[in-house]
Amino acid sequence: MKQQLLTRFLAPVATLALFLALGPRPAGAEDAPAAAPTQTAPTPATQRVRVTTSLGTFVIELNAERAPLTVANFLKYVDQGHYAGTLIHRVVPSFVIQGGGYDVSYKLKPAPRKVVNESGNGLSNQRGTVGLARAGDPHGGDCQFYVNLADNSALDPNVSRWGYAVFGRIVEGMEVVDQIGNVATGARGPLKEDVPLKQILIERVERITP
């Protein structure tokens, strides 16, 4: 059931197919792999980014050693300023918060770059970890990310299906994440449920210089 809640919203949906992915998308491994993304230069094994929201700030430590392609892809969106003005558009208490894709008008921002699924990297969807949201296509993750509010091992891969790739963890501000995870939710715009009734804005995501 949790896994269903994880599919990301890409379009209006009457029922929740699967999220964590995020919006309706069944989380299975039945889809054919998408075209592989362009290879990027190696990323330092440990980097941090600061996520500033209208409810506070949290820091993500990225794991480029275990998820090099996902981290490189995420940092490209960070560096181009993609996340400024996007929303935390999905909150499921005791499960996940998700954001980075919709603007304040609940329209998806263009996110052309996708990344190969790295869910088999040994990192589990435990409380405080950060993963890449996607729909039914195992290799369809782009800019949207989620934070696990609880241990969600059901999102990890198994022998019969792909999982959801973890690429970082919260190292500061988990109390802010928990606060976001307890806001009132409902329907907004094309999204039929789990949307914060009062918008939670991602003001910016920026690299932290050591």
N, C-alpha and C. Protein backbone atom coordinates (compact mmCIF):
# COMPACT_ATOMS: atom_id res chain seq x y z
N MET A 1 0.83 -1.19 0.00
CA MET A 1 0.00 0.00 0.00
C MET A 1 0.86 1.24 0.00
N LYS A 2 1.90 1.22 0.83
CA LYS A 2 2.80 2.35 0.85
C LYS A 2 3.43 2.56 -0.50
N GLN A 3 3.78 1.46 -1.14
CA GLN A 3 4.47 1.60 -2.41
C GLN A 3 3.56 2.27 -3.41
N GLN A 4 2.27 1.99 -3.33
CA GLN A 4 1.34 2.61 -4.23
C GLN A 4 1.31 4.09 -3.96
N LEU A 5 1.33 4.48 -2.73
CA LEU A 5 1.27 5.88 -2.39
C LEU A 5 2.44 6.63 -2.98
N LEU A 6 3.50 5.93 -3.33
CA LEU A 6 4.69 6.59 -3.78
C LEU A 6 4.76 6.97 -5.22
N THR A 7 3.86 6.75 -6.05
CA THR A 7 4.00 7.10 -7.45
C THR A 7 3.75 8.56 -7.67
N ARG A 8 4.51 9.27 -8.43
CA ARG A 8 4.35 10.70 -8.51
C ARG A 8 3.23 11.16 -9.41
N PHE A 9 2.63 12.31 -9.08
CA PHE A 9 1.55 12.86 -9.87
C PHE A 9 2.12 13.51 -11.11
N LEU A 10 1.82 12.97 -12.26
CA LEU A 10 2.25 13.64 -13.48
C LEU A 10 1.05 14.30 -14.13
N ALA A 11 -0.12 13.79 -13.83
CA ALA A 11 -1.32 14.35 -14.42
C ALA A 11 -2.43 14.12 -13.41
N PRO A 12 -3.58 14.74 -13.60
CA PRO A 12 -4.66 14.54 -12.65
C PRO A 12 -5.01 13.07 -12.59
N VAL A 13 -5.29 12.59 -11.41
CA VAL A 13 -5.65 11.19 -11.28
C VAL A 13 -6.74 11.04 -10.27
N ALA A 14 -7.66 10.15 -10.57
CA ALA A 14 -8.76 9.93 -9.66
C ALA A 14 -8.37 9.01 -8.53
N THR A 15 -7.44 8.12 -8.81
CA THR A 15 -6.99 7.22 -7.76
C THR A 15 -5.49 7.22 -7.73
N LEU A 16 -4.96 6.74 -6.61
CA LEU A 16 -3.52 6.75 -6.43
C LEU A 16 -2.95 5.46 -6.92
N ALA A 17 -2.21 5.48 -7.95
CA ALA A 17 -1.66 4.26 -8.47
C ALA A 17 -0.41 3.87 -7.79
N LEU A 18 0.48 4.74 -7.53
CA LEU A 18 1.70 4.24 -6.94
C LEU A 18 2.65 5.33 -6.68
N PHE A 19 3.34 5.65 -5.96
CA PHE A 19 4.11 6.83 -6.00
C PHE A 19 5.54 6.61 -5.98
N LEU A 20 5.80 6.68 -4.98
CA LEU A 20 7.01 7.18 -4.69
C LEU A 20 7.57 7.25 -5.89
N ALA A 21 7.05 6.81 -5.93
CA ALA A 21 7.28 7.33 -7.04
C ALA A 21 6.40 8.26 -6.85
N LEU A 22 5.71 8.86 -7.61
CA LEU A 22 5.10 10.01 -7.20
C LEU A 22 3.95 10.29 -8.02
N GLY A 23 2.95 10.16 -7.87
CA GLY A 23 1.80 10.45 -8.62
C GLY A 23 1.39 9.18 -9.08
N PRO A 24 0.41 9.02 -9.86
CA PRO A 24 -0.01 7.68 -10.13
C PRO A 24 0.95 6.98 -11.01
N ARG A 25 1.57 6.00 -10.52
CA ARG A 25 2.36 5.15 -11.36
C ARG A 25 2.65 3.90 -10.61
N PRO A 26 2.27 2.78 -11.20
CA PRO A 26 2.50 1.56 -10.49
C PRO A 26 3.97 1.30 -10.41
N ALA A 27 4.40 0.85 -9.24
CA ALA A 27 5.81 0.64 -9.06
C ALA A 27 6.21 -0.73 -9.43
N GLY A 28 6.31 -1.03 -10.64
CA GLY A 28 6.73 -2.35 -11.03
C GLY A 28 7.91 -2.27 -11.93
N ALA A 29 8.44 -3.40 -12.29
CA ALA A 29 9.60 -3.40 -13.16
C ALA A 29 9.21 -3.92 -14.51
N GLU A 30 7.96 -3.71 -14.86
CA GLU A 30 7.51 -4.33 -16.10
C GLU A 30 7.81 -3.49 -17.32
N ASP A 31 8.14 -2.23 -17.13
CA ASP A 31 8.37 -1.37 -18.28
C ASP A 31 9.75 -1.59 -18.88
N ALA A 32 9.84 -1.42 -20.17
CA ALA A 32 11.14 -1.54 -20.83
C ALA A 32 12.01 -0.35 -20.43
N PRO A 33 13.30 -0.56 -20.29
CA PRO A 33 14.20 0.53 -19.88
C PRO A 33 14.16 1.69 -20.88
N ALA A 34 14.23 2.90 -20.33
CA ALA A 34 14.28 4.08 -21.19
C ALA A 34 15.72 4.25 -21.69
N ALA A 35 15.86 5.12 -22.66
CA ALA A 35 17.20 5.37 -23.19
C ALA A 35 18.11 5.88 -22.08
N ALA A 36 19.31 5.41 -22.08
CA ALA A 36 20.26 5.80 -21.03
C ALA A 36 20.60 7.28 -21.17
N PRO A 37 20.73 7.98 -20.03
CA PRO A 37 21.07 9.40 -20.09
C PRO A 37 22.52 9.58 -20.50
N THR A 38 22.83 10.79 -20.89
CA THR A 38 24.20 11.10 -21.26
C THR A 38 25.10 10.97 -20.05
N GLN A 39 26.25 10.36 -20.23
CA GLN A 39 27.20 10.21 -19.13
C GLN A 39 27.74 11.58 -18.73
N THR A 40 27.98 11.76 -17.44
CA THR A 40 28.51 13.02 -16.96
C THR A 40 29.83 12.78 -16.24
N ALA A 41 30.56 13.86 -16.00
CA ALA A 41 31.84 13.74 -15.33
C ALA A 41 31.64 13.23 -13.91
N PRO A 42 32.62 12.52 -13.36
CA PRO A 42 32.49 11.99 -12.00
C PRO A 42 32.21 13.11 -11.01
N THR A 43 31.40 12.77 -9.99
CA THR A 43 31.06 13.72 -8.95
C THR A 43 31.77 13.33 -7.67
N PRO A 44 32.32 14.29 -6.91
CA PRO A 44 32.96 13.95 -5.64
C PRO A 44 32.04 13.07 -4.80
N ALA A 45 32.61 12.11 -4.09
CA ALA A 45 31.82 11.10 -3.39
C ALA A 45 30.84 11.68 -2.38
N THR A 46 31.20 12.75 -1.69
CA THR A 46 30.31 13.34 -0.69
C THR A 46 30.16 14.82 -0.91
N GLN A 47 28.94 15.25 -1.19
CA GLN A 47 28.62 16.66 -1.32
C GLN A 47 27.33 16.92 -0.56
N ARG A 48 27.12 18.17 -0.22
CA ARG A 48 25.90 18.54 0.49
C ARG A 48 25.20 19.68 -0.22
N VAL A 49 23.87 19.66 -0.14
CA VAL A 49 23.07 20.77 -0.65
C VAL A 49 22.11 21.21 0.44
N ARG A 50 21.80 22.50 0.42
CA ARG A 50 20.85 23.08 1.38
C ARG A 50 19.54 23.34 0.67
N VAL A 51 18.46 22.82 1.23
CA VAL A 51 17.12 23.03 0.67
C VAL A 51 16.40 24.03 1.58
N THR A 52 16.10 25.20 1.04
CA THR A 52 15.42 26.24 1.81
C THR A 52 13.96 26.28 1.39
N THR A 53 13.07 26.05 2.34
CA THR A 53 11.63 26.05 2.07
C THR A 53 10.95 27.13 2.90
N SER A 54 9.68 27.35 2.63
CA SER A 54 8.92 28.34 3.39
C SER A 54 8.66 27.90 4.82
N LEU A 55 8.96 26.65 5.15
CA LEU A 55 8.81 26.16 6.52
C LEU A 55 10.14 25.90 7.21
N GLY A 56 11.23 26.20 6.54
CA GLY A 56 12.53 25.98 7.15
C GLY A 56 13.51 25.34 6.19
N THR A 57 14.67 24.99 6.72
CA THR A 57 15.78 24.52 5.90
C THR A 57 16.23 23.13 6.34
N PHE A 58 16.62 22.31 5.36
CA PHE A 58 17.25 21.04 5.68
C PHE A 58 18.41 20.81 4.72
N VAL A 59 19.33 19.96 5.14
CA VAL A 59 20.55 19.70 4.37
C VAL A 59 20.59 18.23 3.97
N ILE A 60 20.89 18.00 2.69
CA ILE A 60 21.01 16.65 2.15
C ILE A 60 22.48 16.36 1.87
N GLU A 61 22.95 15.26 2.40
CA GLU A 61 24.29 14.77 2.03
C GLU A 61 24.11 13.77 0.90
N LEU A 62 24.75 14.04 -0.22
CA LEU A 62 24.60 13.21 -1.42
C LEU A 62 25.64 12.10 -1.42
N ASN A 63 25.25 10.95 -1.92
CA ASN A 63 26.16 9.80 -1.96
C ASN A 63 26.49 9.46 -3.41
N ALA A 64 27.50 10.14 -3.94
CA ALA A 64 27.89 9.92 -5.34
C ALA A 64 28.67 8.64 -5.52
N GLU A 65 29.14 8.06 -4.43
CA GLU A 65 29.85 6.79 -4.55
C GLU A 65 28.87 5.67 -4.89
N ARG A 66 27.71 5.68 -4.24
CA ARG A 66 26.72 4.63 -4.47
C ARG A 66 25.73 4.98 -5.58
N ALA A 67 25.50 6.26 -5.79
CA ALA A 67 24.51 6.67 -6.80
C ALA A 67 25.08 7.78 -7.68
N PRO A 68 26.15 7.51 -8.40
CA PRO A 68 26.84 8.57 -9.16
C PRO A 68 26.00 9.23 -10.24
N LEU A 69 25.22 8.45 -10.97
CA LEU A 69 24.42 9.02 -12.06
C LEU A 69 23.28 9.87 -11.51
N THR A 70 22.64 9.36 -10.46
CA THR A 70 21.51 10.09 -9.86
C THR A 70 21.98 11.39 -9.24
N VAL A 71 23.10 11.36 -8.52
CA VAL A 71 23.63 12.57 -7.90
C VAL A 71 24.04 13.59 -8.97
N ALA A 72 24.72 13.14 -10.02
CA ALA A 72 25.13 14.06 -11.08
C ALA A 72 23.92 14.71 -11.74
N ASN A 73 22.88 13.92 -11.96
CA ASN A 73 21.66 14.44 -12.58
C ASN A 73 20.99 15.47 -11.66
N PHE A 74 20.88 15.13 -10.38
CA PHE A 74 20.27 16.02 -9.40
C PHE A 74 21.03 17.35 -9.33
N LEU A 75 22.35 17.27 -9.30
CA LEU A 75 23.15 18.49 -9.18
C LEU A 75 23.04 19.37 -10.43
N LYS A 76 22.81 18.76 -11.58
CA LYS A 76 22.58 19.58 -12.78
C LYS A 76 21.32 20.42 -12.61
N TYR A 77 20.26 19.80 -12.07
CA TYR A 77 19.04 20.56 -11.82
C TYR A 77 19.27 21.63 -10.76
N VAL A 78 20.06 21.31 -9.73
CA VAL A 78 20.40 22.29 -8.70
C VAL A 78 21.12 23.48 -9.32
N ASP A 79 22.14 23.19 -10.11
CA ASP A 79 22.98 24.26 -10.67
C ASP A 79 22.24 25.15 -11.66
N GLN A 80 21.23 24.60 -12.32
CA GLN A 80 20.49 25.44 -13.26
C GLN A 80 19.35 26.19 -12.59
N GLY A 81 19.21 26.02 -11.25
CA GLY A 81 18.18 26.75 -10.52
C GLY A 81 16.78 26.19 -10.69
N HIS A 82 16.70 24.95 -11.12
CA HIS A 82 15.40 24.35 -11.41
C HIS A 82 14.45 24.37 -10.21
N TYR A 83 14.98 24.13 -9.02
CA TYR A 83 14.12 23.91 -7.86
C TYR A 83 13.53 25.19 -7.27
N ALA A 84 14.12 26.33 -7.57
CA ALA A 84 13.60 27.59 -7.04
C ALA A 84 12.17 27.82 -7.53
N GLY A 85 11.25 28.00 -6.60
CA GLY A 85 9.87 28.25 -6.98
C GLY A 85 9.04 27.00 -7.21
N THR A 86 9.59 25.84 -6.90
CA THR A 86 8.79 24.61 -6.98
C THR A 86 8.18 24.32 -5.60
N LEU A 87 7.32 23.33 -5.55
CA LEU A 87 6.58 23.03 -4.33
C LEU A 87 6.95 21.66 -3.75
N ILE A 88 6.78 21.56 -2.44
CA ILE A 88 6.60 20.24 -1.84
C ILE A 88 5.13 19.94 -2.09
N HIS A 89 4.85 19.15 -3.09
CA HIS A 89 3.47 18.99 -3.56
C HIS A 89 2.80 17.72 -3.05
N ARG A 90 3.55 16.91 -2.34
CA ARG A 90 2.96 15.67 -1.84
C ARG A 90 3.45 15.37 -0.44
N VAL A 91 2.52 15.13 0.44
CA VAL A 91 2.84 14.79 1.82
C VAL A 91 1.96 13.63 2.25
N VAL A 92 2.60 12.53 2.63
CA VAL A 92 1.88 11.36 3.15
C VAL A 92 2.48 11.08 4.52
N PRO A 93 1.76 11.40 5.59
CA PRO A 93 2.30 11.23 6.95
C PRO A 93 2.83 9.81 7.18
N SER A 94 3.93 9.75 7.89
CA SER A 94 4.58 8.48 8.23
C SER A 94 5.03 7.72 6.98
N PHE A 95 5.13 8.41 5.87
CA PHE A 95 5.59 7.77 4.64
C PHE A 95 6.64 8.64 3.96
N VAL A 96 6.22 9.64 3.18
CA VAL A 96 7.19 10.49 2.47
C VAL A 96 6.66 11.91 2.30
N ILE A 97 7.59 12.83 2.02
CA ILE A 97 7.26 14.12 1.43
C ILE A 97 7.95 14.14 0.08
N GLN A 98 7.38 14.85 -0.88
CA GLN A 98 7.91 14.83 -2.24
C GLN A 98 7.79 16.20 -2.87
N GLY A 99 8.78 16.57 -3.68
CA GLY A 99 8.70 17.87 -4.32
C GLY A 99 9.71 18.02 -5.44
N GLY A 100 9.79 19.27 -5.93
CA GLY A 100 10.78 19.59 -6.95
C GLY A 100 10.29 19.56 -8.38
N GLY A 101 9.00 19.29 -8.59
CA GLY A 101 8.52 19.17 -9.96
C GLY A 101 7.47 20.19 -10.37
N TYR A 102 6.59 20.58 -9.43
CA TYR A 102 5.48 21.47 -9.75
C TYR A 102 5.77 22.90 -9.31
N ASP A 103 5.29 23.86 -10.13
CA ASP A 103 5.41 25.25 -9.74
C ASP A 103 4.19 25.66 -8.91
N VAL A 104 4.10 26.93 -8.54
CA VAL A 104 3.02 27.37 -7.65
C VAL A 104 1.65 27.33 -8.32
N SER A 105 1.63 27.16 -9.62
CA SER A 105 0.34 27.02 -10.33
C SER A 105 -0.01 25.55 -10.53
N TYR A 106 0.77 24.67 -9.91
CA TYR A 106 0.59 23.21 -10.02
C TYR A 106 0.76 22.73 -11.46
N LYS A 107 1.71 23.35 -12.13
CA LYS A 107 2.11 22.90 -13.46
C LYS A 107 3.51 22.31 -13.36
N LEU A 108 3.74 21.22 -14.08
CA LEU A 108 5.06 20.61 -14.07
C LEU A 108 6.07 21.48 -14.79
N LYS A 109 7.21 21.70 -14.16
CA LYS A 109 8.29 22.41 -14.83
C LYS A 109 8.98 21.44 -15.79
N PRO A 110 9.48 21.92 -16.91
CA PRO A 110 10.20 21.04 -17.84
C PRO A 110 11.38 20.36 -17.14
N ALA A 111 11.49 19.07 -17.35
CA ALA A 111 12.59 18.29 -16.75
C ALA A 111 13.00 17.23 -17.76
N PRO A 112 13.75 17.62 -18.78
CA PRO A 112 14.05 16.70 -19.88
C PRO A 112 15.04 15.60 -19.56
N ARG A 113 15.89 15.80 -18.55
CA ARG A 113 16.92 14.80 -18.27
C ARG A 113 16.40 13.72 -17.33
N LYS A 114 16.56 12.48 -17.75
CA LYS A 114 16.20 11.34 -16.92
C LYS A 114 17.46 10.54 -16.61
N VAL A 115 17.34 9.59 -15.70
CA VAL A 115 18.54 8.90 -15.25
C VAL A 115 18.26 7.41 -15.09
N VAL A 116 19.28 6.61 -15.34
CA VAL A 116 19.17 5.16 -15.17
C VAL A 116 18.90 4.84 -13.70
N ASN A 117 18.05 3.88 -13.46
CA ASN A 117 17.66 3.48 -12.10
C ASN A 117 18.85 2.86 -11.36
N GLU A 118 19.24 3.48 -10.24
CA GLU A 118 20.35 2.98 -9.43
C GLU A 118 19.87 2.40 -8.10
N SER A 119 18.65 1.89 -8.08
CA SER A 119 18.10 1.40 -6.81
C SER A 119 18.83 0.18 -6.26
N GLY A 120 19.61 -0.51 -7.08
CA GLY A 120 20.36 -1.67 -6.61
C GLY A 120 21.71 -1.31 -6.03
N ASN A 121 21.84 -0.11 -5.49
CA ASN A 121 23.15 0.37 -5.02
C ASN A 121 23.45 0.03 -3.56
N GLY A 122 22.55 -0.69 -2.92
CA GLY A 122 22.78 -1.08 -1.53
C GLY A 122 22.26 -0.09 -0.51
N LEU A 123 21.74 1.05 -0.95
CA LEU A 123 21.17 2.04 -0.03
C LEU A 123 19.68 1.77 0.11
N SER A 124 19.21 1.66 1.34
CA SER A 124 17.81 1.33 1.60
C SER A 124 16.99 2.57 1.90
N ASN A 125 15.70 2.49 1.60
CA ASN A 125 14.77 3.59 1.86
C ASN A 125 14.39 3.63 3.34
N GLN A 126 15.33 4.07 4.14
CA GLN A 126 15.11 4.19 5.57
C GLN A 126 14.76 5.64 5.93
N ARG A 127 14.23 5.83 7.13
CA ARG A 127 13.85 7.16 7.58
C ARG A 127 15.02 8.14 7.39
N GLY A 128 14.70 9.30 6.80
CA GLY A 128 15.72 10.33 6.62
C GLY A 128 16.51 10.22 5.35
N THR A 129 16.31 9.16 4.57
CA THR A 129 17.01 9.06 3.30
C THR A 129 16.23 9.80 2.21
N VAL A 130 16.95 10.14 1.16
CA VAL A 130 16.37 10.91 0.05
C VAL A 130 16.47 10.07 -1.22
N GLY A 131 15.37 9.98 -1.94
CA GLY A 131 15.35 9.15 -3.15
C GLY A 131 14.81 9.91 -4.34
N LEU A 132 14.96 9.29 -5.50
CA LEU A 132 14.50 9.88 -6.75
C LEU A 132 13.11 9.36 -7.09
N ALA A 133 12.17 10.29 -7.22
CA ALA A 133 10.81 9.92 -7.57
C ALA A 133 10.72 9.57 -9.05
N ARG A 134 9.79 8.72 -9.36
CA ARG A 134 9.58 8.32 -10.76
C ARG A 134 8.18 7.76 -10.91
N ALA A 135 7.80 7.50 -12.16
CA ALA A 135 6.53 6.87 -12.44
C ALA A 135 6.77 5.40 -12.71
N GLY A 136 5.97 4.81 -13.59
CA GLY A 136 6.09 3.38 -13.83
C GLY A 136 7.35 2.96 -14.55
N ASP A 137 7.91 3.86 -15.36
CA ASP A 137 9.15 3.56 -16.07
C ASP A 137 10.29 3.50 -15.06
N PRO A 138 10.93 2.34 -14.89
CA PRO A 138 12.01 2.24 -13.89
C PRO A 138 13.12 3.24 -14.11
N HIS A 139 13.32 3.67 -15.35
CA HIS A 139 14.40 4.60 -15.67
C HIS A 139 13.85 5.98 -16.03
N GLY A 140 12.69 6.32 -15.46
CA GLY A 140 12.03 7.58 -15.80
C GLY A 140 12.21 8.69 -14.78
N GLY A 141 13.06 8.48 -13.76
CA GLY A 141 13.27 9.53 -12.77
C GLY A 141 13.95 10.74 -13.38
N ASP A 142 13.51 11.95 -12.96
CA ASP A 142 14.14 13.16 -13.49
C ASP A 142 14.52 14.11 -12.35
N CYS A 143 13.65 15.07 -12.03
CA CYS A 143 14.02 16.09 -11.05
C CYS A 143 13.37 15.92 -9.69
N GLN A 144 12.25 15.22 -9.61
CA GLN A 144 11.52 15.14 -8.36
C GLN A 144 12.20 14.21 -7.36
N PHE A 145 12.20 14.63 -6.12
CA PHE A 145 12.83 13.84 -5.07
C PHE A 145 11.86 13.67 -3.90
N TYR A 146 12.15 12.72 -3.05
CA TYR A 146 11.32 12.49 -1.87
C TYR A 146 12.22 12.24 -0.68
N VAL A 147 11.66 12.47 0.51
CA VAL A 147 12.35 12.17 1.76
C VAL A 147 11.49 11.16 2.52
N ASN A 148 12.10 10.09 2.96
CA ASN A 148 11.39 9.06 3.72
C ASN A 148 11.15 9.54 5.15
N LEU A 149 9.89 9.54 5.56
CA LEU A 149 9.52 9.92 6.93
C LEU A 149 9.59 8.73 7.87
N ALA A 150 9.68 7.54 7.32
CA ALA A 150 9.75 6.31 8.10
C ALA A 150 10.60 5.32 7.32
N ASP A 151 10.86 4.16 7.90
CA ASP A 151 11.56 3.11 7.19
C ASP A 151 10.62 2.52 6.15
N ASN A 152 10.98 2.64 4.88
CA ASN A 152 10.12 2.20 3.77
C ASN A 152 10.85 1.19 2.90
N SER A 153 11.22 0.08 3.49
CA SER A 153 11.98 -0.93 2.75
C SER A 153 11.19 -1.52 1.59
N ALA A 154 9.87 -1.35 1.60
CA ALA A 154 9.07 -1.84 0.47
C ALA A 154 9.40 -1.11 -0.82
N LEU A 155 10.09 0.03 -0.71
CA LEU A 155 10.48 0.78 -1.90
C LEU A 155 11.81 0.30 -2.46
N ASP A 156 12.49 -0.57 -1.74
CA ASP A 156 13.76 -1.10 -2.20
C ASP A 156 13.52 -2.14 -3.29
N PRO A 157 14.51 -2.41 -4.13
CA PRO A 157 14.33 -3.40 -5.20
C PRO A 157 14.29 -4.81 -4.64
N ASN A 158 13.71 -5.71 -5.42
CA ASN A 158 13.81 -7.13 -5.09
C ASN A 158 14.00 -7.90 -6.39
N VAL A 159 13.98 -9.20 -6.32
CA VAL A 159 14.32 -10.00 -7.50
C VAL A 159 13.30 -9.86 -8.63
N SER A 160 12.10 -9.38 -8.31
CA SER A 160 11.05 -9.33 -9.33
C SER A 160 10.74 -7.93 -9.85
N ARG A 161 11.31 -6.90 -9.25
CA ARG A 161 10.98 -5.54 -9.70
C ARG A 161 12.08 -4.55 -9.31
N TRP A 162 12.06 -3.41 -10.02
CA TRP A 162 12.95 -2.32 -9.68
C TRP A 162 12.47 -1.63 -8.41
N GLY A 163 13.37 -0.97 -7.73
CA GLY A 163 13.00 -0.17 -6.58
C GLY A 163 13.13 1.31 -6.89
N TYR A 164 13.18 2.11 -5.83
CA TYR A 164 13.34 3.56 -5.95
C TYR A 164 14.70 3.94 -5.39
N ALA A 165 15.49 4.61 -6.19
CA ALA A 165 16.90 4.83 -5.89
C ALA A 165 17.11 5.87 -4.80
N VAL A 166 17.78 5.46 -3.73
CA VAL A 166 18.23 6.37 -2.69
C VAL A 166 19.56 6.97 -3.13
N PHE A 167 19.69 8.31 -2.98
CA PHE A 167 20.95 8.95 -3.39
C PHE A 167 21.49 9.92 -2.34
N GLY A 168 20.85 9.97 -1.19
CA GLY A 168 21.33 10.86 -0.15
C GLY A 168 20.59 10.66 1.16
N ARG A 169 20.93 11.51 2.14
CA ARG A 169 20.28 11.42 3.44
C ARG A 169 20.26 12.81 4.08
N ILE A 170 19.28 13.02 4.93
CA ILE A 170 19.19 14.29 5.66
C ILE A 170 20.20 14.27 6.79
N VAL A 171 21.04 15.30 6.85
CA VAL A 171 22.04 15.39 7.92
C VAL A 171 21.78 16.58 8.83
N GLU A 172 20.92 17.49 8.40
CA GLU A 172 20.51 18.61 9.24
C GLU A 172 19.06 18.96 8.89
N GLY A 173 18.28 19.29 9.90
CA GLY A 173 16.93 19.78 9.64
C GLY A 173 15.86 18.71 9.50
N MET A 174 16.08 17.52 10.05
CA MET A 174 15.04 16.49 9.95
C MET A 174 13.77 16.95 10.67
N GLU A 175 13.92 17.83 11.65
CA GLU A 175 12.73 18.34 12.35
C GLU A 175 11.87 19.17 11.39
N VAL A 176 12.50 19.83 10.43
CA VAL A 176 11.75 20.59 9.42
C VAL A 176 11.01 19.62 8.50
N VAL A 177 11.69 18.56 8.11
CA VAL A 177 11.06 17.54 7.27
C VAL A 177 9.85 16.94 7.98
N ASP A 178 10.00 16.64 9.27
CA ASP A 178 8.89 16.08 10.04
C ASP A 178 7.73 17.07 10.15
N GLN A 179 8.06 18.35 10.30
CA GLN A 179 7.01 19.37 10.35
C GLN A 179 6.23 19.39 9.04
N ILE A 180 6.95 19.36 7.93
CA ILE A 180 6.30 19.32 6.62
C ILE A 180 5.43 18.07 6.51
N GLY A 181 5.93 16.96 7.06
CA GLY A 181 5.22 15.69 6.96
C GLY A 181 3.94 15.61 7.76
N ASN A 182 3.63 16.66 8.51
CA ASN A 182 2.43 16.65 9.34
C ASN A 182 1.43 17.75 9.00
N VAL A 183 1.63 18.41 7.86
CA VAL A 183 0.69 19.47 7.49
C VAL A 183 -0.61 18.88 6.96
N ALA A 184 -1.65 19.70 6.99
CA ALA A 184 -2.94 19.28 6.45
C ALA A 184 -2.86 19.20 4.93
N THR A 185 -3.50 18.19 4.37
CA THR A 185 -3.45 17.97 2.92
C THR A 185 -4.84 17.76 2.34
N GLY A 186 -4.92 17.86 1.02
CA GLY A 186 -6.17 17.63 0.32
C GLY A 186 -5.92 17.71 -1.17
N ALA A 187 -6.90 18.18 -1.92
CA ALA A 187 -6.78 18.31 -3.37
C ALA A 187 -6.43 19.76 -3.72
N ARG A 188 -5.57 19.91 -4.73
CA ARG A 188 -5.20 21.23 -5.23
C ARG A 188 -4.90 21.10 -6.72
N GLY A 189 -5.46 22.01 -7.52
CA GLY A 189 -5.22 21.96 -8.96
C GLY A 189 -5.58 20.60 -9.52
N PRO A 190 -4.71 20.04 -10.35
CA PRO A 190 -4.99 18.74 -10.96
C PRO A 190 -4.70 17.56 -10.02
N LEU A 191 -4.13 17.85 -8.86
CA LEU A 191 -3.72 16.79 -7.94
C LEU A 191 -4.86 16.51 -6.96
N LYS A 192 -5.26 15.27 -6.87
CA LYS A 192 -6.49 14.91 -6.19
C LYS A 192 -6.35 14.64 -4.70
N GLU A 193 -5.14 14.45 -4.22
CA GLU A 193 -4.98 14.18 -2.80
C GLU A 193 -3.53 14.37 -2.37
N ASP A 194 -3.33 14.41 -1.06
CA ASP A 194 -1.99 14.48 -0.45
C ASP A 194 -1.25 15.78 -0.74
N VAL A 195 -1.93 16.81 -1.18
CA VAL A 195 -1.29 18.09 -1.48
C VAL A 195 -1.44 19.02 -0.27
N PRO A 196 -0.36 19.63 0.22
CA PRO A 196 -0.49 20.58 1.33
C PRO A 196 -1.53 21.66 1.01
N LEU A 197 -2.47 21.89 1.94
CA LEU A 197 -3.50 22.88 1.71
C LEU A 197 -2.92 24.29 1.68
N LYS A 198 -1.87 24.50 2.44
CA LYS A 198 -1.11 25.75 2.37
C LYS A 198 0.19 25.43 1.68
N GLN A 199 0.46 26.11 0.58
CA GLN A 199 1.63 25.77 -0.23
C GLN A 199 2.92 25.83 0.58
N ILE A 200 3.78 24.83 0.34
CA ILE A 200 5.13 24.80 0.91
C ILE A 200 6.09 25.01 -0.24
N LEU A 201 6.67 26.18 -0.27
CA LEU A 201 7.51 26.58 -1.39
C LEU A 201 8.97 26.17 -1.16
N ILE A 202 9.58 25.59 -2.19
CA ILE A 202 11.04 25.41 -2.18
C ILE A 202 11.62 26.70 -2.75
N GLU A 203 12.23 27.50 -1.89
CA GLU A 203 12.75 28.79 -2.32
C GLU A 203 14.03 28.64 -3.13
N ARG A 204 14.87 27.69 -2.72
CA ARG A 204 16.10 27.42 -3.47
C ARG A 204 16.74 26.14 -2.95
N VAL A 205 17.54 25.54 -3.81
CA VAL A 205 18.40 24.42 -3.44
C VAL A 205 19.79 24.81 -3.93
N GLU A 206 20.77 24.77 -3.04
CA GLU A 206 22.11 25.24 -3.40
C GLU A 206 23.17 24.33 -2.81
N ARG A 207 24.28 24.24 -3.52
CA ARG A 207 25.42 23.47 -3.00
C ARG A 207 25.99 24.18 -1.78
N ILE A 208 26.50 23.38 -0.85
CA ILE A 208 27.22 23.92 0.30
C ILE A 208 28.70 23.76 0.04
N THR A 209 29.41 24.86 0.05
CA THR A 209 30.84 24.82 -0.20
C THR A 209 31.57 24.38 1.08
N PRO A 210 32.41 23.34 0.99
CA PRO A 210 33.12 22.85 2.19
C PRO A 210 33.92 23.97 2.85
